Amino acid sequence: MRMRMRMRMMAAAAAALSIILQGAAAATQHVVGGATGWTIPSTASFYSGWSSAQAFTAGDTLLFNFTTGIHNVMPVGKAGYDGCSTQGTVGPTLTTGPATVTLKAPGAHYYICGVPTHCSFGQKLAVNVSAAAGPAPSPSPSPSGPSAPPPGGARPEAPTTPTAPSAPAPASRRRPSAGSSSPPHLLPDPRCGCWRFYPQQQQQRQPAASRSTS
């Protein structure tokens, strides 16, 4: 029982660690502009081209590399991005570089440099963020059941088939022994001139008595 509980706790801890590591591995840091960083680009379409080559997922981060006091990062809406307006900000302006922004929600996100004329020269960024994929379900523990007998252990005996009881042997006919008594016989007694019942042995001796008296 303790071993099973310990194994279950270890499996739960491993699953939690896997989810944490998976979440950490899924988050990607995107360095805005690559080696160029966050500055006035050489062309107005530079940051839009860089953004189209990236895959942004909720939970990822944007790293803006810029020199403090020269540039800043201002989150704005779609109208502020298109018109380079600093009036419709949707979050605090980041003035210390480098600055990191976390993409918390899926959808379109817009950033400009609030320093005058920088946005109009192309220092603005639009990113389209997709939803993060959910973690893979952890395998459920197997139900605990009766453990199989160890190899070489005692095996259950096979059920025996009941046998029908044998028929009793027929009783042998008994014959009367020589000394057993037989039914008496009615014989004449010459001594009294009458009839008497004699046993079998006396019947056998009767002729001898009769011959002695004759």
N, C-alpha and C. Protein backbone atom coordinates (compact mmCIF):
# COMPACT_ATOMS: atom_id res chain seq x y z
N MET A 1 0.83 -1.20 0.00
CA MET A 1 0.00 0.00 0.00
C MET A 1 0.87 1.26 0.00
N ARG A 2 1.90 1.29 0.86
CA ARG A 2 2.78 2.46 0.89
C ARG A 2 3.52 2.64 -0.42
N MET A 3 3.92 1.53 -1.02
CA MET A 3 4.63 1.61 -2.28
C MET A 3 3.73 2.18 -3.37
N ARG A 4 2.46 1.78 -3.38
CA ARG A 4 1.53 2.31 -4.38
C ARG A 4 1.30 3.79 -4.18
N MET A 5 1.12 4.23 -2.92
CA MET A 5 0.91 5.64 -2.65
C MET A 5 2.14 6.45 -3.07
N ARG A 6 3.34 5.92 -2.80
CA ARG A 6 4.56 6.62 -3.17
C ARG A 6 4.68 6.74 -4.68
N MET A 7 4.31 5.67 -5.39
CA MET A 7 4.39 5.70 -6.85
C MET A 7 3.38 6.69 -7.43
N ARG A 8 2.18 6.76 -6.82
CA ARG A 8 1.18 7.71 -7.30
C ARG A 8 1.64 9.14 -7.07
N MET A 9 2.24 9.41 -5.91
CA MET A 9 2.73 10.75 -5.62
C MET A 9 3.85 11.14 -6.59
N MET A 10 4.72 10.19 -6.90
CA MET A 10 5.80 10.47 -7.84
C MET A 10 5.25 10.73 -9.24
N ALA A 11 4.22 9.98 -9.63
CA ALA A 11 3.62 10.19 -10.95
C ALA A 11 2.94 11.54 -11.04
N ALA A 12 2.25 11.96 -9.96
CA ALA A 12 1.60 13.27 -9.95
C ALA A 12 2.63 14.40 -10.01
N ALA A 13 3.73 14.24 -9.27
CA ALA A 13 4.78 15.26 -9.30
C ALA A 13 5.43 15.35 -10.67
N ALA A 14 5.63 14.19 -11.30
CA ALA A 14 6.22 14.18 -12.64
C ALA A 14 5.29 14.85 -13.65
N ALA A 15 3.97 14.59 -13.51
CA ALA A 15 3.01 15.21 -14.43
C ALA A 15 2.98 16.72 -14.25
N ALA A 16 3.01 17.18 -12.98
CA ALA A 16 3.02 18.63 -12.73
C ALA A 16 4.29 19.27 -13.28
N LEU A 17 5.43 18.62 -13.08
CA LEU A 17 6.69 19.15 -13.61
C LEU A 17 6.68 19.19 -15.12
N SER A 18 6.06 18.17 -15.74
CA SER A 18 5.99 18.13 -17.20
C SER A 18 5.16 19.29 -17.73
N ILE A 19 4.04 19.59 -17.03
CA ILE A 19 3.20 20.71 -17.46
C ILE A 19 3.94 22.04 -17.33
N ILE A 20 4.68 22.18 -16.21
CA ILE A 20 5.43 23.42 -16.00
C ILE A 20 6.50 23.58 -17.07
N LEU A 21 7.25 22.50 -17.32
CA LEU A 21 8.31 22.57 -18.32
C LEU A 21 7.74 22.79 -19.71
N GLN A 22 6.58 22.17 -19.98
CA GLN A 22 5.96 22.34 -21.28
C GLN A 22 5.52 23.79 -21.47
N GLY A 23 4.96 24.39 -20.40
CA GLY A 23 4.55 25.78 -20.50
C GLY A 23 5.74 26.71 -20.69
N ALA A 24 6.83 26.38 -19.97
CA ALA A 24 8.02 27.21 -20.12
C ALA A 24 8.63 27.07 -21.50
N ALA A 25 8.62 25.83 -22.03
CA ALA A 25 9.19 25.61 -23.35
C ALA A 25 8.33 26.22 -24.44
N ALA A 26 7.00 26.30 -24.21
CA ALA A 26 6.09 26.82 -25.23
C ALA A 26 6.25 28.33 -25.38
N ALA A 27 6.59 29.05 -24.28
CA ALA A 27 6.74 30.51 -24.36
C ALA A 27 8.01 30.85 -25.13
N THR A 28 7.86 31.76 -26.09
CA THR A 28 8.99 32.16 -26.93
C THR A 28 9.24 33.66 -26.77
N GLN A 29 10.49 34.02 -26.69
CA GLN A 29 10.86 35.44 -26.64
C GLN A 29 11.23 35.89 -28.05
N HIS A 30 10.55 36.91 -28.53
CA HIS A 30 10.80 37.46 -29.87
C HIS A 30 11.54 38.80 -29.71
N VAL A 31 12.74 38.85 -30.25
CA VAL A 31 13.51 40.09 -30.23
C VAL A 31 13.04 40.96 -31.39
N VAL A 32 12.35 42.03 -31.07
CA VAL A 32 11.72 42.86 -32.10
C VAL A 32 12.79 43.45 -33.03
N GLY A 33 12.62 43.19 -34.33
CA GLY A 33 13.56 43.70 -35.34
C GLY A 33 14.83 42.90 -35.46
N GLY A 34 14.97 41.83 -34.65
CA GLY A 34 16.19 41.03 -34.72
C GLY A 34 17.40 41.83 -34.30
N ALA A 35 18.45 41.77 -35.13
CA ALA A 35 19.69 42.48 -34.81
C ALA A 35 19.53 44.00 -34.91
N THR A 36 18.53 44.44 -35.65
CA THR A 36 18.31 45.88 -35.80
C THR A 36 17.79 46.50 -34.52
N GLY A 37 16.94 45.76 -33.80
CA GLY A 37 16.38 46.28 -32.56
C GLY A 37 15.22 47.22 -32.82
N TRP A 38 14.87 48.00 -31.79
CA TRP A 38 13.74 48.92 -31.88
C TRP A 38 14.29 50.33 -32.13
N THR A 39 14.20 50.75 -33.39
CA THR A 39 14.76 52.04 -33.82
C THR A 39 14.05 52.50 -35.08
N ILE A 40 14.45 53.64 -35.62
CA ILE A 40 13.88 54.09 -36.89
C ILE A 40 14.44 53.19 -37.99
N PRO A 41 13.56 52.43 -38.69
CA PRO A 41 14.05 51.46 -39.69
C PRO A 41 14.49 52.15 -40.98
N SER A 42 15.15 51.34 -41.79
CA SER A 42 15.62 51.84 -43.09
C SER A 42 14.47 52.00 -44.07
N THR A 43 13.42 51.18 -43.91
CA THR A 43 12.22 51.27 -44.75
C THR A 43 11.00 51.27 -43.86
N ALA A 44 9.91 51.85 -44.31
CA ALA A 44 8.69 51.97 -43.51
C ALA A 44 8.03 50.62 -43.26
N SER A 45 8.31 49.63 -44.13
CA SER A 45 7.68 48.31 -44.01
C SER A 45 8.57 47.30 -43.29
N PHE A 46 9.66 47.77 -42.68
CA PHE A 46 10.61 46.84 -42.07
C PHE A 46 9.96 46.00 -40.98
N TYR A 47 9.27 46.62 -40.03
CA TYR A 47 8.72 45.87 -38.90
C TYR A 47 7.51 45.02 -39.29
N SER A 48 6.78 45.45 -40.28
CA SER A 48 5.67 44.62 -40.75
C SER A 48 6.19 43.36 -41.43
N GLY A 49 7.32 43.48 -42.15
CA GLY A 49 7.94 42.30 -42.77
C GLY A 49 8.51 41.36 -41.72
N TRP A 50 9.11 41.93 -40.69
CA TRP A 50 9.65 41.08 -39.61
C TRP A 50 8.51 40.36 -38.88
N SER A 51 7.43 41.05 -38.60
CA SER A 51 6.30 40.46 -37.87
C SER A 51 5.64 39.33 -38.66
N SER A 52 5.55 39.49 -39.98
CA SER A 52 4.89 38.46 -40.79
C SER A 52 5.70 37.17 -40.83
N ALA A 53 6.98 37.23 -40.51
CA ALA A 53 7.82 36.03 -40.51
C ALA A 53 7.84 35.33 -39.17
N GLN A 54 7.10 35.84 -38.20
CA GLN A 54 7.08 35.26 -36.85
C GLN A 54 5.74 34.57 -36.60
N ALA A 55 5.75 33.69 -35.61
CA ALA A 55 4.51 33.03 -35.13
C ALA A 55 4.36 33.39 -33.66
N PHE A 56 3.37 34.21 -33.36
CA PHE A 56 3.17 34.68 -31.99
C PHE A 56 2.04 33.88 -31.32
N THR A 57 2.31 33.45 -30.11
CA THR A 57 1.34 32.68 -29.33
C THR A 57 1.16 33.34 -27.97
N ALA A 58 -0.05 33.28 -27.46
CA ALA A 58 -0.31 33.85 -26.14
C ALA A 58 0.66 33.26 -25.12
N GLY A 59 1.30 34.14 -24.35
CA GLY A 59 2.33 33.73 -23.41
C GLY A 59 3.72 34.08 -23.88
N ASP A 60 3.88 34.33 -25.17
CA ASP A 60 5.18 34.74 -25.69
C ASP A 60 5.50 36.17 -25.22
N THR A 61 6.76 36.56 -25.39
CA THR A 61 7.19 37.91 -25.00
C THR A 61 7.85 38.61 -26.17
N LEU A 62 7.75 39.94 -26.15
CA LEU A 62 8.43 40.81 -27.12
C LEU A 62 9.54 41.55 -26.39
N LEU A 63 10.76 41.47 -26.92
CA LEU A 63 11.88 42.19 -26.33
C LEU A 63 12.24 43.37 -27.24
N PHE A 64 12.02 44.58 -26.73
CA PHE A 64 12.34 45.79 -27.46
C PHE A 64 13.71 46.30 -27.00
N ASN A 65 14.68 46.22 -27.87
CA ASN A 65 16.03 46.71 -27.57
C ASN A 65 16.15 48.16 -28.08
N PHE A 66 16.27 49.10 -27.16
CA PHE A 66 16.45 50.50 -27.55
C PHE A 66 17.24 51.23 -26.46
N THR A 67 17.73 52.39 -26.78
CA THR A 67 18.49 53.20 -25.85
C THR A 67 17.54 54.09 -25.07
N THR A 68 17.67 54.05 -23.76
CA THR A 68 16.79 54.85 -22.91
C THR A 68 16.98 56.35 -23.21
N GLY A 69 15.85 57.05 -23.33
CA GLY A 69 15.88 58.50 -23.61
C GLY A 69 15.82 58.82 -25.08
N ILE A 70 16.02 57.83 -25.96
CA ILE A 70 15.98 58.09 -27.41
C ILE A 70 14.69 57.53 -28.02
N HIS A 71 14.26 56.37 -27.55
CA HIS A 71 13.03 55.74 -28.04
C HIS A 71 12.18 55.30 -26.85
N ASN A 72 10.96 54.88 -27.12
CA ASN A 72 10.08 54.29 -26.12
C ASN A 72 9.13 53.31 -26.81
N VAL A 73 8.33 52.62 -26.02
CA VAL A 73 7.34 51.67 -26.55
C VAL A 73 5.98 52.07 -25.99
N MET A 74 5.05 52.36 -26.89
CA MET A 74 3.73 52.82 -26.49
C MET A 74 2.68 51.87 -27.08
N PRO A 75 1.95 51.10 -26.24
CA PRO A 75 0.88 50.23 -26.76
C PRO A 75 -0.35 51.08 -27.12
N VAL A 76 -0.85 50.88 -28.34
CA VAL A 76 -2.00 51.65 -28.82
C VAL A 76 -3.01 50.71 -29.48
N GLY A 77 -4.15 51.28 -29.88
CA GLY A 77 -5.15 50.53 -30.62
C GLY A 77 -4.89 50.60 -32.11
N LYS A 78 -5.85 50.04 -32.86
CA LYS A 78 -5.68 50.01 -34.33
C LYS A 78 -5.65 51.43 -34.91
N ALA A 79 -6.47 52.32 -34.39
CA ALA A 79 -6.50 53.70 -34.90
C ALA A 79 -5.20 54.42 -34.58
N GLY A 80 -4.67 54.22 -33.37
CA GLY A 80 -3.41 54.86 -33.01
C GLY A 80 -2.27 54.33 -33.85
N TYR A 81 -2.31 53.05 -34.21
CA TYR A 81 -1.26 52.46 -35.05
C TYR A 81 -1.32 53.04 -36.47
N ASP A 82 -2.53 53.08 -37.02
CA ASP A 82 -2.65 53.57 -38.39
C ASP A 82 -2.32 55.07 -38.48
N GLY A 83 -2.75 55.88 -37.49
CA GLY A 83 -2.54 57.33 -37.57
C GLY A 83 -1.36 57.81 -36.79
N CYS A 84 -0.55 56.87 -36.20
CA CYS A 84 0.60 57.26 -35.38
C CYS A 84 0.19 58.28 -34.33
N SER A 85 -0.93 57.97 -33.64
CA SER A 85 -1.45 58.87 -32.62
C SER A 85 -1.08 58.36 -31.23
N THR A 86 -0.67 59.29 -30.39
CA THR A 86 -0.32 58.95 -29.00
C THR A 86 -1.48 59.20 -28.05
N GLN A 87 -2.64 59.50 -28.61
CA GLN A 87 -3.79 59.83 -27.77
C GLN A 87 -4.58 58.58 -27.34
N GLY A 88 -4.50 57.51 -28.08
CA GLY A 88 -5.32 56.33 -27.77
C GLY A 88 -4.50 55.18 -27.23
N THR A 89 -3.69 55.41 -26.23
CA THR A 89 -2.87 54.34 -25.66
C THR A 89 -3.75 53.36 -24.88
N VAL A 90 -3.34 52.09 -24.87
CA VAL A 90 -4.09 51.03 -24.17
C VAL A 90 -3.27 50.44 -23.02
N GLY A 91 -2.18 51.08 -22.67
CA GLY A 91 -1.33 50.59 -21.60
C GLY A 91 -0.25 51.60 -21.30
N PRO A 92 0.54 51.34 -20.25
CA PRO A 92 1.60 52.28 -19.89
C PRO A 92 2.71 52.31 -20.93
N THR A 93 3.31 53.46 -21.11
CA THR A 93 4.43 53.63 -22.04
C THR A 93 5.72 53.17 -21.36
N LEU A 94 6.49 52.36 -22.08
CA LEU A 94 7.76 51.84 -21.56
C LEU A 94 8.87 52.77 -22.04
N THR A 95 9.56 53.38 -21.11
CA THR A 95 10.59 54.37 -21.47
C THR A 95 12.00 53.90 -21.19
N THR A 96 12.16 52.78 -20.50
CA THR A 96 13.49 52.28 -20.16
C THR A 96 13.80 51.04 -21.00
N GLY A 97 14.88 51.10 -21.75
CA GLY A 97 15.25 49.97 -22.58
C GLY A 97 16.41 49.16 -21.99
N PRO A 98 16.49 47.88 -22.32
CA PRO A 98 15.48 47.17 -23.13
C PRO A 98 14.20 46.89 -22.33
N ALA A 99 13.10 46.75 -23.01
CA ALA A 99 11.79 46.55 -22.38
C ALA A 99 11.17 45.25 -22.90
N THR A 100 10.49 44.57 -22.00
CA THR A 100 9.84 43.30 -22.36
C THR A 100 8.33 43.44 -22.19
N VAL A 101 7.61 42.96 -23.18
CA VAL A 101 6.14 42.98 -23.17
C VAL A 101 5.66 41.54 -23.31
N THR A 102 4.74 41.12 -22.45
CA THR A 102 4.16 39.77 -22.52
C THR A 102 2.85 39.81 -23.30
N LEU A 103 2.75 38.93 -24.27
CA LEU A 103 1.52 38.83 -25.07
C LEU A 103 0.55 37.91 -24.32
N LYS A 104 -0.31 38.51 -23.52
CA LYS A 104 -1.15 37.72 -22.62
C LYS A 104 -2.39 37.14 -23.28
N ALA A 105 -2.91 37.83 -24.30
CA ALA A 105 -4.18 37.40 -24.90
C ALA A 105 -4.03 37.26 -26.41
N PRO A 106 -4.79 36.31 -27.01
CA PRO A 106 -4.75 36.22 -28.47
C PRO A 106 -5.43 37.42 -29.12
N GLY A 107 -5.07 37.67 -30.37
CA GLY A 107 -5.63 38.79 -31.11
C GLY A 107 -4.53 39.71 -31.62
N ALA A 108 -4.93 40.88 -32.13
CA ALA A 108 -4.00 41.86 -32.69
C ALA A 108 -3.51 42.80 -31.59
N HIS A 109 -2.20 43.06 -31.60
CA HIS A 109 -1.57 43.98 -30.65
C HIS A 109 -0.75 44.98 -31.45
N TYR A 110 -0.78 46.27 -31.00
CA TYR A 110 -0.13 47.34 -31.76
C TYR A 110 0.78 48.15 -30.83
N TYR A 111 1.97 48.52 -31.36
CA TYR A 111 2.95 49.30 -30.60
C TYR A 111 3.57 50.35 -31.53
N ILE A 112 3.84 51.53 -30.97
CA ILE A 112 4.51 52.59 -31.73
C ILE A 112 5.56 53.23 -30.82
N CYS A 113 6.46 53.96 -31.44
CA CYS A 113 7.39 54.81 -30.68
C CYS A 113 6.72 56.18 -30.54
N GLY A 114 6.58 56.61 -29.28
CA GLY A 114 5.87 57.86 -29.03
C GLY A 114 6.69 59.11 -29.25
N VAL A 115 7.97 58.96 -29.57
CA VAL A 115 8.79 60.13 -29.87
C VAL A 115 8.30 60.72 -31.20
N PRO A 116 8.09 62.05 -31.27
CA PRO A 116 7.57 62.66 -32.49
C PRO A 116 8.35 62.26 -33.75
N THR A 117 7.58 62.00 -34.82
CA THR A 117 8.01 61.63 -36.19
C THR A 117 8.60 60.23 -36.30
N HIS A 118 8.91 59.55 -35.19
CA HIS A 118 9.51 58.21 -35.29
C HIS A 118 8.50 57.21 -35.88
N CYS A 119 7.24 57.27 -35.43
CA CYS A 119 6.23 56.33 -35.95
C CYS A 119 5.98 56.59 -37.44
N SER A 120 5.96 57.83 -37.83
CA SER A 120 5.68 58.14 -39.24
C SER A 120 6.80 57.66 -40.16
N PHE A 121 7.99 57.44 -39.62
CA PHE A 121 9.10 56.90 -40.40
C PHE A 121 9.13 55.36 -40.36
N GLY A 122 8.16 54.77 -39.73
CA GLY A 122 8.05 53.31 -39.76
C GLY A 122 8.37 52.60 -38.46
N GLN A 123 8.60 53.33 -37.36
CA GLN A 123 8.90 52.66 -36.08
C GLN A 123 7.59 52.33 -35.36
N LYS A 124 6.93 51.34 -35.89
CA LYS A 124 5.67 50.85 -35.32
C LYS A 124 5.55 49.36 -35.64
N LEU A 125 4.82 48.68 -34.77
CA LEU A 125 4.76 47.21 -34.88
C LEU A 125 3.34 46.73 -34.63
N ALA A 126 2.90 45.79 -35.49
CA ALA A 126 1.60 45.11 -35.32
C ALA A 126 1.86 43.61 -35.31
N VAL A 127 1.33 42.93 -34.29
CA VAL A 127 1.50 41.46 -34.19
C VAL A 127 0.13 40.81 -34.01
N ASN A 128 0.00 39.65 -34.61
CA ASN A 128 -1.25 38.88 -34.49
C ASN A 128 -0.95 37.64 -33.66
N VAL A 129 -1.56 37.54 -32.48
CA VAL A 129 -1.26 36.49 -31.51
C VAL A 129 -2.34 35.42 -31.57
N SER A 130 -1.91 34.17 -31.64
CA SER A 130 -2.84 33.03 -31.62
C SER A 130 -2.94 32.46 -30.22
N ALA A 131 -4.01 31.70 -29.96
CA ALA A 131 -4.22 31.10 -28.64
C ALA A 131 -3.20 30.00 -28.40
N ALA A 132 -2.80 29.85 -27.16
CA ALA A 132 -1.83 28.80 -26.79
C ALA A 132 -2.53 27.46 -26.75
N ALA A 133 -1.83 26.43 -27.19
CA ALA A 133 -2.38 25.07 -27.14
C ALA A 133 -2.39 24.59 -25.71
N GLY A 134 -3.44 23.84 -25.34
CA GLY A 134 -3.56 23.30 -23.99
C GLY A 134 -2.56 22.19 -23.75
N PRO A 135 -2.19 21.95 -22.49
CA PRO A 135 -1.25 20.87 -22.17
C PRO A 135 -1.85 19.52 -22.47
N ALA A 136 -1.01 18.61 -22.85
CA ALA A 136 -1.46 17.24 -23.12
C ALA A 136 -1.94 16.59 -21.83
N PRO A 137 -3.07 15.84 -21.90
CA PRO A 137 -3.58 15.21 -20.68
C PRO A 137 -2.61 14.19 -20.14
N SER A 138 -2.44 14.20 -18.83
CA SER A 138 -1.55 13.24 -18.19
C SER A 138 -2.22 11.88 -18.13
N PRO A 139 -1.47 10.79 -18.25
CA PRO A 139 -2.08 9.46 -18.21
C PRO A 139 -2.67 9.19 -16.84
N SER A 140 -3.88 8.64 -16.85
CA SER A 140 -4.54 8.32 -15.59
C SER A 140 -3.93 7.08 -14.97
N PRO A 141 -3.86 7.05 -13.66
CA PRO A 141 -3.29 5.86 -13.02
C PRO A 141 -4.16 4.65 -13.24
N SER A 142 -3.49 3.51 -13.37
CA SER A 142 -4.23 2.30 -13.56
C SER A 142 -4.93 1.90 -12.29
N PRO A 143 -6.17 1.38 -12.46
CA PRO A 143 -6.89 0.96 -11.25
C PRO A 143 -6.17 -0.15 -10.54
N SER A 144 -6.13 -0.01 -9.21
CA SER A 144 -5.45 -1.04 -8.43
C SER A 144 -6.35 -2.25 -8.30
N GLY A 145 -5.83 -3.39 -8.57
CA GLY A 145 -6.57 -4.63 -8.49
C GLY A 145 -5.72 -5.70 -7.85
N PRO A 146 -6.25 -6.89 -7.77
CA PRO A 146 -5.45 -7.97 -7.18
C PRO A 146 -4.22 -8.23 -8.01
N SER A 147 -3.08 -8.28 -7.35
CA SER A 147 -1.83 -8.49 -8.06
C SER A 147 -1.72 -9.94 -8.50
N ALA A 148 -1.05 -10.12 -9.64
CA ALA A 148 -0.86 -11.46 -10.17
C ALA A 148 0.09 -12.24 -9.29
N PRO A 149 -0.09 -13.55 -9.18
CA PRO A 149 0.82 -14.33 -8.34
C PRO A 149 2.22 -14.31 -8.92
N PRO A 150 3.26 -14.28 -8.07
CA PRO A 150 4.64 -14.24 -8.57
C PRO A 150 4.97 -15.50 -9.34
N PRO A 151 5.94 -15.38 -10.28
CA PRO A 151 6.33 -16.59 -11.03
C PRO A 151 6.82 -17.67 -10.10
N GLY A 152 6.38 -18.88 -10.37
CA GLY A 152 6.79 -19.99 -9.55
C GLY A 152 6.00 -20.12 -8.27
N GLY A 153 5.03 -19.22 -8.04
CA GLY A 153 4.23 -19.29 -6.82
C GLY A 153 3.16 -20.36 -6.94
N ALA A 154 2.39 -20.46 -5.88
CA ALA A 154 1.35 -21.46 -5.85
C ALA A 154 0.26 -21.12 -6.86
N ARG A 155 -0.16 -22.07 -7.62
CA ARG A 155 -1.22 -21.88 -8.60
C ARG A 155 -2.52 -22.46 -8.06
N PRO A 156 -3.63 -21.84 -8.43
CA PRO A 156 -4.91 -22.39 -7.94
C PRO A 156 -5.15 -23.77 -8.49
N GLU A 157 -5.68 -24.66 -7.64
CA GLU A 157 -5.94 -26.03 -8.07
C GLU A 157 -7.10 -26.06 -9.06
N ALA A 158 -6.95 -26.93 -10.05
CA ALA A 158 -8.02 -27.08 -11.03
C ALA A 158 -9.20 -27.77 -10.39
N PRO A 159 -10.43 -27.34 -10.73
CA PRO A 159 -11.61 -27.98 -10.13
C PRO A 159 -11.70 -29.44 -10.55
N THR A 160 -11.98 -30.31 -9.61
CA THR A 160 -12.11 -31.74 -9.89
C THR A 160 -13.52 -32.07 -10.30
N THR A 161 -13.63 -32.98 -11.24
CA THR A 161 -14.94 -33.41 -11.70
C THR A 161 -15.49 -34.48 -10.75
N PRO A 162 -16.68 -34.24 -10.16
CA PRO A 162 -17.22 -35.24 -9.22
C PRO A 162 -17.53 -36.54 -9.93
N THR A 163 -17.17 -37.67 -9.32
CA THR A 163 -17.43 -38.99 -9.89
C THR A 163 -18.70 -39.57 -9.30
N ALA A 164 -19.42 -40.27 -10.11
CA ALA A 164 -20.67 -40.87 -9.66
C ALA A 164 -20.38 -42.02 -8.71
N PRO A 165 -21.16 -42.16 -7.65
CA PRO A 165 -20.92 -43.26 -6.71
C PRO A 165 -21.13 -44.60 -7.38
N SER A 166 -20.24 -45.55 -7.07
CA SER A 166 -20.34 -46.87 -7.69
C SER A 166 -21.52 -47.65 -7.09
N ALA A 167 -22.14 -48.45 -7.94
CA ALA A 167 -23.30 -49.24 -7.50
C ALA A 167 -22.86 -50.31 -6.52
N PRO A 168 -23.63 -50.53 -5.46
CA PRO A 168 -23.24 -51.56 -4.49
C PRO A 168 -23.27 -52.95 -5.10
N ALA A 169 -22.31 -53.73 -4.70
CA ALA A 169 -22.23 -55.10 -5.23
C ALA A 169 -23.43 -55.90 -4.76
N PRO A 170 -23.99 -56.74 -5.63
CA PRO A 170 -25.17 -57.54 -5.22
C PRO A 170 -24.82 -58.50 -4.08
N ALA A 171 -25.70 -58.52 -3.13
CA ALA A 171 -25.47 -59.40 -1.97
C ALA A 171 -25.48 -60.86 -2.41
N SER A 172 -24.46 -61.56 -1.97
CA SER A 172 -24.38 -62.99 -2.33
C SER A 172 -25.39 -63.79 -1.52
N ARG A 173 -25.93 -64.72 -2.18
CA ARG A 173 -26.91 -65.60 -1.50
C ARG A 173 -26.18 -66.50 -0.50
N ARG A 174 -26.66 -66.48 0.67
CA ARG A 174 -26.06 -67.29 1.71
C ARG A 174 -26.74 -68.66 1.79
N ARG A 175 -25.92 -69.63 1.92
CA ARG A 175 -26.43 -70.98 2.11
C ARG A 175 -26.33 -71.36 3.58
N PRO A 176 -27.27 -72.07 4.08
CA PRO A 176 -27.22 -72.47 5.49
C PRO A 176 -26.03 -73.37 5.74
N SER A 177 -25.33 -73.07 6.80
CA SER A 177 -24.18 -73.90 7.16
C SER A 177 -24.64 -75.26 7.65
N ALA A 178 -23.66 -76.14 7.79
CA ALA A 178 -24.02 -77.50 8.19
C ALA A 178 -24.61 -77.54 9.57
N GLY A 179 -24.18 -76.64 10.45
CA GLY A 179 -24.68 -76.68 11.82
C GLY A 179 -25.93 -75.88 12.05
N SER A 180 -26.43 -75.18 11.02
CA SER A 180 -27.62 -74.36 11.21
C SER A 180 -28.86 -75.23 11.30
N SER A 181 -29.83 -74.75 12.01
CA SER A 181 -31.08 -75.52 12.20
C SER A 181 -31.97 -75.42 10.99
N SER A 182 -32.67 -76.49 10.67
CA SER A 182 -33.60 -76.54 9.55
C SER A 182 -35.02 -76.68 10.10
N PRO A 183 -35.98 -76.41 9.28
CA PRO A 183 -37.38 -76.54 9.74
C PRO A 183 -37.67 -77.97 10.18
N PRO A 184 -38.43 -78.14 11.25
CA PRO A 184 -38.75 -79.52 11.73
C PRO A 184 -39.61 -80.28 10.74
N HIS A 185 -39.53 -81.60 10.80
CA HIS A 185 -40.32 -82.49 9.92
C HIS A 185 -41.22 -83.39 10.79
N LEU A 186 -42.39 -83.67 10.28
CA LEU A 186 -43.35 -84.55 10.98
C LEU A 186 -43.05 -86.00 10.58
N LEU A 187 -42.64 -86.76 11.57
CA LEU A 187 -42.28 -88.17 11.32
C LEU A 187 -42.98 -89.08 12.35
N PRO A 188 -43.20 -90.35 11.99
CA PRO A 188 -43.85 -91.29 12.95
C PRO A 188 -42.86 -91.73 14.02
N ASP A 189 -43.34 -91.81 15.22
CA ASP A 189 -42.53 -92.29 16.34
C ASP A 189 -42.99 -93.71 16.67
N PRO A 190 -42.16 -94.76 16.39
CA PRO A 190 -42.60 -96.14 16.62
C PRO A 190 -42.72 -96.50 18.10
N ARG A 191 -42.14 -95.66 18.96
CA ARG A 191 -42.20 -96.00 20.37
C ARG A 191 -43.57 -95.76 20.96
N CYS A 192 -44.22 -94.72 20.38
CA CYS A 192 -45.55 -94.42 20.92
C CYS A 192 -46.64 -94.63 19.91
N GLY A 193 -46.23 -94.95 18.69
CA GLY A 193 -47.23 -95.14 17.64
C GLY A 193 -47.91 -93.84 17.25
N CYS A 194 -47.20 -92.76 17.41
CA CYS A 194 -47.76 -91.42 17.07
C CYS A 194 -46.82 -90.68 16.15
N TRP A 195 -47.26 -89.50 15.80
CA TRP A 195 -46.43 -88.61 14.91
C TRP A 195 -45.86 -87.47 15.74
N ARG A 196 -44.58 -87.19 15.48
CA ARG A 196 -43.89 -86.10 16.17
C ARG A 196 -43.05 -85.27 15.17
N PHE A 197 -42.83 -83.98 15.62
CA PHE A 197 -41.96 -83.09 14.82
C PHE A 197 -40.52 -83.29 15.25
N TYR A 198 -39.65 -83.58 14.32
CA TYR A 198 -38.23 -83.78 14.60
C TYR A 198 -37.40 -82.74 13.82
N PRO A 199 -36.34 -82.25 14.48
CA PRO A 199 -35.39 -81.40 13.70
C PRO A 199 -34.68 -82.22 12.64
N GLN A 200 -33.87 -81.44 11.80
CA GLN A 200 -33.21 -82.10 10.69
C GLN A 200 -32.23 -83.16 11.16
N GLN A 201 -31.48 -82.87 12.26
CA GLN A 201 -30.49 -83.83 12.73
C GLN A 201 -31.16 -85.07 13.28
N GLN A 202 -32.26 -84.85 14.01
CA GLN A 202 -32.96 -86.01 14.54
C GLN A 202 -33.61 -86.80 13.44
N GLN A 203 -34.01 -86.05 12.34
CA GLN A 203 -34.59 -86.76 11.21
C GLN A 203 -33.58 -87.69 10.59
N GLN A 204 -32.27 -87.20 10.55
CA GLN A 204 -31.26 -88.07 9.97
C GLN A 204 -30.98 -89.27 10.86
N ARG A 205 -31.14 -89.11 12.20
CA ARG A 205 -30.89 -90.22 13.09
C ARG A 205 -32.11 -91.12 13.27
N GLN A 206 -33.29 -90.66 12.78
CA GLN A 206 -34.52 -91.40 13.01
C GLN A 206 -34.49 -92.77 12.37
N PRO A 207 -34.03 -92.90 11.14
CA PRO A 207 -34.04 -94.27 10.58
C PRO A 207 -33.21 -95.21 11.39
N ALA A 208 -32.11 -94.71 11.99
CA ALA A 208 -31.27 -95.61 12.80
C ALA A 208 -32.02 -96.06 14.02
N ALA A 209 -32.80 -95.16 14.67
CA ALA A 209 -33.60 -95.54 15.83
C ALA A 209 -34.67 -96.51 15.46
N SER A 210 -35.28 -96.27 14.28
CA SER A 210 -36.35 -97.15 13.81
C SER A 210 -35.81 -98.52 13.55
N ARG A 211 -34.56 -98.61 13.02
CA ARG A 211 -34.03 -99.92 12.70
C ARG A 211 -33.64 -100.65 13.97
N SER A 212 -33.27 -99.89 15.03
CA SER A 212 -32.90 -100.57 16.25
C SER A 212 -34.05 -101.19 16.96
N THR A 213 -35.25 -100.60 16.76
CA THR A 213 -36.43 -101.09 17.44
C THR A 213 -37.12 -102.15 16.66
N SER A 214 -36.84 -102.27 15.37
CA SER A 214 -37.51 -103.23 14.52
C SER A 214 -36.90 -104.60 14.64
